[in-house]
Amino acid sequence: MKESSNNYFQLFFQQNYDSLVHFLSSKFTDYEEAQDLAQDAFYNVMKAKNAEELEHARAYLFQTASNLALNRIRKKKRQDLYQRSVALAANPEQDGIIASPERAAAARQQLQQVEKALNSLPKKCRRAFLLHRSGQMTYRQIAAELGVSVSTVEKYMIKALDHCRKKVQWDSN
């Protein structure tokens, strides 16, 4: 990166960081999460081709941050739904929902099938899947943890999901 480009981004960061974090704080209760998203937004703007020449760089930055926040919120909703479904399968009487004995047995059986399918995966593949789904880590964080590339983590996730789809008999009811 050129020195003038570096100076531009340093000044741009100093002028916009606090207001961007404040904007993101309105969307998240966790201040650190707002700071992380702000950092990601600045990084994405810096990566943009000819970023120094953006006519409305501040608007672009805030729109980027808004998109990242929306993606993060959607991801959390999916994770919460997934965790709730796993908890419900393990304890069908949770949340006042009482399942029939047959349905509860089927849910427990599916959970056992998922556990068996995951246990039959190669160690790194299983660990990547569990870190992402249970540990809520990003692919980049998992790659660093396992000492592999991000694309390898992506391949692990595809393999794990495909393996589970083939091994688990999902109840369509």
Protein backbone atom coordinates (compact mmCIF):
# COMPACT_ATOMS: atom_id res chain seq x y z
CA MET A 1 0.00 0.00 0.00
CA LYS A 2 1.36 3.44 -0.89
CA GLU A 3 2.30 5.90 1.84
CA SER A 4 -0.37 8.40 0.69
CA SER A 5 -2.97 5.64 0.69
CA ASN A 6 -1.89 4.62 4.16
CA ASN A 7 -2.23 8.22 5.40
CA TYR A 8 -5.66 8.51 3.77
CA PHE A 9 -6.97 5.43 5.56
CA GLN A 10 -5.42 6.44 8.86
CA LEU A 11 -7.19 9.81 8.72
CA PHE A 12 -10.40 8.22 7.43
CA PHE A 13 -10.32 5.76 10.32
CA GLN A 14 -9.72 8.48 12.92
CA GLN A 15 -12.55 10.64 11.57
CA ASN A 16 -15.15 7.87 11.37
CA TYR A 17 -14.36 5.15 13.90
CA ASP A 18 -16.23 6.54 16.92
CA SER A 19 -19.39 7.39 15.01
CA LEU A 20 -19.36 4.00 13.26
CA VAL A 21 -19.02 2.13 16.56
CA HIS A 22 -21.83 4.25 18.01
CA PHE A 23 -24.00 3.40 14.97
CA LEU A 24 -23.27 -0.32 15.36
CA SER A 25 -23.82 -0.19 19.13
CA SER A 26 -27.45 0.64 18.43
CA LYS A 27 -27.77 -2.73 16.70
CA PHE A 28 -25.86 -4.85 19.23
CA THR A 29 -25.86 -4.95 23.00
CA ASP A 30 -22.24 -6.11 23.05
CA TYR A 31 -19.96 -3.08 22.58
CA GLU A 32 -17.02 -5.31 21.64
CA GLU A 33 -19.07 -6.87 18.86
CA ALA A 34 -19.80 -3.39 17.52
CA GLN A 35 -16.06 -2.64 17.60
CA ASP A 36 -15.28 -5.90 15.78
CA LEU A 37 -17.82 -5.11 13.07
CA ALA A 38 -16.42 -1.60 12.71
CA GLN A 39 -12.96 -3.06 12.19
CA ASP A 40 -14.34 -5.49 9.59
CA ALA A 41 -16.13 -2.65 7.80
CA PHE A 42 -12.96 -0.55 7.62
CA TYR A 43 -11.03 -3.56 6.37
CA ASN A 44 -13.60 -4.20 3.64
CA VAL A 45 -13.48 -0.56 2.54
CA MET A 46 -9.68 -0.66 2.44
CA LYS A 47 -9.83 -3.79 0.26
CA ALA A 48 -12.15 -2.10 -2.23
CA LYS A 49 -10.58 -1.29 -5.55
CA ASN A 50 -9.63 2.40 -5.74
CA ALA A 51 -10.99 2.97 -2.25
CA GLU A 52 -9.23 6.35 -1.96
CA GLU A 53 -11.29 7.58 -4.91
CA LEU A 54 -14.71 6.72 -3.50
CA GLU A 55 -16.97 9.73 -3.88
CA HIS A 56 -19.01 8.96 -0.75
CA ALA A 57 -16.55 6.93 1.28
CA ARG A 58 -18.31 7.53 4.62
CA ALA A 59 -21.67 6.39 3.21
CA TYR A 60 -19.97 3.36 1.68
CA LEU A 61 -18.36 2.57 5.05
CA PHE A 62 -21.66 2.80 6.94
CA GLN A 63 -23.51 0.74 4.33
CA THR A 64 -20.77 -1.90 4.51
CA ALA A 65 -21.05 -1.93 8.30
CA SER A 66 -24.83 -2.17 8.08
CA ASN A 67 -24.58 -5.16 5.73
CA LEU A 68 -22.06 -6.86 8.02
CA ALA A 69 -24.34 -6.26 11.00
CA LEU A 70 -27.34 -7.68 9.16
CA ASN A 71 -25.34 -10.77 8.19
CA ARG A 72 -24.19 -11.21 11.80
CA ILE A 73 -27.77 -10.88 13.10
CA ARG A 74 -29.02 -13.44 10.56
CA LYS A 75 -26.23 -15.83 11.51
CA LYS A 76 -27.08 -15.51 15.20
CA LYS A 77 -30.74 -16.21 14.49
CA ARG A 78 -29.81 -19.36 12.56
CA GLN A 79 -27.50 -20.47 15.35
CA ASP A 80 -30.14 -19.81 18.00
CA LEU A 81 -32.72 -21.76 16.01
CA TYR A 82 -30.28 -24.63 15.54
CA GLN A 83 -29.35 -24.72 19.23
CA ARG A 84 -33.00 -24.58 20.25
CA SER A 85 -33.85 -27.48 17.93
CA VAL A 86 -30.97 -29.54 19.33
CA ALA A 87 -32.07 -28.72 22.88
CA LEU A 88 -35.66 -29.60 22.03
CA ALA A 89 -34.56 -32.90 20.50
CA ALA A 90 -32.63 -33.72 23.67
CA ASN A 91 -35.44 -32.57 25.96
CA PRO A 92 -38.78 -32.60 24.10
CA GLU A 93 -40.71 -31.23 27.08
CA GLN A 94 -38.75 -27.97 27.02
CA ASP A 95 -40.64 -24.68 26.59
CA GLY A 96 -43.90 -26.29 27.59
CA ILE A 97 -44.04 -28.26 24.37
CA ILE A 98 -44.91 -31.84 25.15
CA ALA A 99 -44.11 -34.24 22.36
CA SER A 100 -45.70 -37.61 21.98
CA PRO A 101 -43.55 -40.50 23.24
CA GLU A 102 -43.06 -41.62 19.65
CA ARG A 103 -41.91 -38.18 18.55
CA ALA A 104 -39.59 -37.86 21.54
CA ALA A 105 -38.09 -41.27 20.79
CA ALA A 106 -37.63 -40.34 17.13
CA ALA A 107 -35.91 -37.08 18.13
CA ARG A 108 -33.56 -38.92 20.49
CA GLN A 109 -32.81 -41.46 17.76
CA GLN A 110 -32.01 -38.67 15.29
CA LEU A 111 -29.74 -37.03 17.83
CA GLN A 112 -27.92 -40.36 18.32
CA GLN A 113 -27.58 -40.70 14.54
CA VAL A 114 -26.09 -37.20 14.32
CA GLU A 115 -23.63 -37.99 17.12
CA LYS A 116 -22.67 -41.28 15.44
CA ALA A 117 -22.26 -39.56 12.06
CA LEU A 118 -20.07 -36.85 13.58
CA ASN A 119 -17.97 -39.39 15.46
CA SER A 120 -17.30 -41.24 12.20
CA LEU A 121 -15.80 -38.13 10.57
CA PRO A 122 -12.03 -37.59 10.43
CA LYS A 123 -10.78 -35.80 13.55
CA LYS A 124 -10.02 -32.37 12.00
CA CYS A 125 -13.21 -32.39 9.97
CA ARG A 126 -15.31 -33.17 13.06
CA ARG A 127 -13.46 -30.58 15.14
CA ALA A 128 -13.96 -27.88 12.48
CA PHE A 129 -17.68 -28.65 12.32
CA LEU A 130 -18.11 -28.61 16.09
CA LEU A 131 -16.07 -25.42 16.53
CA HIS A 132 -18.25 -23.68 13.97
CA ARG A 133 -21.64 -25.03 15.02
CA SER A 134 -21.14 -25.25 18.77
CA GLY A 135 -18.28 -22.90 19.42
CA GLN A 136 -19.63 -20.27 17.05
CA MET A 137 -16.18 -19.64 15.59
CA THR A 138 -15.64 -18.19 12.13
CA TYR A 139 -13.93 -20.19 9.41
CA ARG A 140 -10.91 -17.91 9.75
CA GLN A 141 -10.69 -18.58 13.50
CA ILE A 142 -11.08 -22.33 12.94
CA ALA A 143 -8.37 -22.30 10.29
CA ALA A 144 -5.99 -20.63 12.74
CA GLU A 145 -6.96 -23.08 15.50
CA LEU A 146 -6.42 -26.16 13.32
CA GLY A 147 -3.43 -24.84 11.36
CA VAL A 148 -5.12 -25.19 7.97
CA SER A 149 -6.36 -22.78 5.29
CA VAL A 150 -9.82 -21.23 5.27
CA SER A 151 -10.65 -23.16 2.10
CA THR A 152 -9.77 -26.40 3.90
CA VAL A 153 -12.18 -25.44 6.67
CA GLU A 154 -14.85 -24.82 4.02
CA LYS A 155 -14.18 -28.28 2.59
CA TYR A 156 -14.41 -29.80 6.07
CA MET A 157 -17.79 -28.13 6.62
CA ILE A 158 -19.16 -29.32 3.28
CA LYS A 159 -17.90 -32.83 3.98
CA ALA A 160 -19.41 -32.88 7.50
CA LEU A 161 -22.80 -31.59 6.36
CA ASP A 162 -22.93 -33.97 3.41
CA HIS A 163 -21.91 -36.87 5.65
CA CYS A 164 -24.64 -36.04 8.19
CA ARG A 165 -27.27 -35.71 5.46
CA LYS A 166 -26.41 -39.18 4.20
CA LYS A 167 -26.14 -40.86 7.61
CA VAL A 168 -29.13 -39.37 9.44
CA GLN A 169 -32.70 -40.37 8.65
CA TRP A 170 -34.59 -37.12 9.09
CA ASP A 171 -38.21 -37.31 10.19
CA SER A 172 -40.27 -35.24 7.78
CA ASN A 173 -43.10 -34.71 10.30
